[in-house]
Amino acid sequence: MPFIPALLIGAGFLGNLLLVVLLLGDVTAPLAAAAVLALGGGALILAGLMLMEPRRDHEAGHPR
């Protein structure tokens, strides 16, 4: 498994986990911090999953 995609997915998961801890804990998370953690965590996970996708080589004659 490639190192960078796994690192991105792990960082996104930790960001989402931190968001859950902030929202469930006694501290009321500010709306801006919650939005940054939610969008940032999702974006990191998506970027890691996109990097794990095999690339299609259009010059080799593979169909789209």
Protein backbone atom coordinates (compact mmCIF):
# COMPACT_ATOMS: atom_id res chain seq x y z
CA MET A 1 0.00 0.00 0.00
CA PRO A 2 1.46 3.36 -0.96
CA PHE A 3 2.61 5.53 1.92
CA ILE A 4 1.23 8.95 0.91
CA PRO A 5 -2.40 7.87 0.22
CA ALA A 6 -2.47 5.95 3.49
CA LEU A 7 -1.11 9.00 5.31
CA LEU A 8 -3.79 11.23 3.74
CA ILE A 9 -6.58 8.81 4.65
CA GLY A 10 -5.25 8.49 8.20
CA ALA A 11 -4.98 12.26 8.64
CA GLY A 12 -8.53 12.72 7.35
CA PHE A 13 -9.81 10.05 9.70
CA LEU A 14 -8.06 11.70 12.65
CA GLY A 15 -9.54 15.07 11.67
CA ASN A 16 -13.03 13.59 11.59
CA LEU A 17 -12.39 11.83 14.89
CA LEU A 18 -11.27 15.11 16.45
CA LEU A 19 -14.45 16.73 15.16
CA VAL A 20 -16.57 14.05 16.81
CA VAL A 21 -14.68 14.43 20.09
CA LEU A 22 -15.13 18.21 20.01
CA LEU A 23 -18.82 17.98 19.25
CA LEU A 24 -19.54 15.26 21.83
CA GLY A 25 -17.37 16.71 24.58
CA ASP A 26 -18.18 19.46 27.01
CA VAL A 27 -16.51 22.07 24.80
CA THR A 28 -18.84 23.60 22.26
CA ALA A 29 -16.91 23.73 19.01
CA PRO A 30 -17.18 27.00 17.10
CA LEU A 31 -18.96 26.69 13.80
CA ALA A 32 -15.90 27.68 11.76
CA ALA A 33 -13.69 25.07 13.45
CA ALA A 34 -16.31 22.38 12.93
CA ALA A 35 -16.66 23.29 9.26
CA VAL A 36 -12.90 23.26 8.68
CA LEU A 37 -12.49 19.89 10.39
CA ALA A 38 -15.43 18.34 8.53
CA LEU A 39 -14.47 19.61 5.09
CA GLY A 40 -10.75 19.13 5.62
CA GLY A 41 -11.11 15.58 6.88
CA GLY A 42 -13.38 14.63 4.01
CA ALA A 43 -11.07 16.25 1.47
CA LEU A 44 -8.02 14.41 2.83
CA ILE A 45 -9.80 11.07 2.73
CA LEU A 46 -11.03 11.73 -0.81
CA ALA A 47 -7.56 12.77 -1.99
CA GLY A 48 -6.04 9.63 -0.51
CA LEU A 49 -8.63 7.43 -2.18
CA MET A 50 -8.14 9.21 -5.51
CA LEU A 51 -4.38 8.58 -5.33
CA MET A 52 -5.02 4.87 -4.78
CA GLU A 53 -7.09 4.60 -7.96
CA PRO A 54 -5.20 3.11 -10.89
CA ARG A 55 -4.53 5.64 -13.61
CA ARG A 56 -5.76 5.07 -17.12
CA ASP A 57 -3.28 5.58 -19.90
CA HIS A 58 -5.16 7.15 -22.80
CA GLU A 59 -2.17 6.93 -25.14
CA ALA A 60 -2.00 3.15 -24.74
CA GLY A 61 -5.44 2.79 -26.30
CA HIS A 62 -7.44 2.13 -23.17
CA PRO A 63 -11.09 3.16 -23.51
CA ARG A 64 -12.47 5.91 -21.34
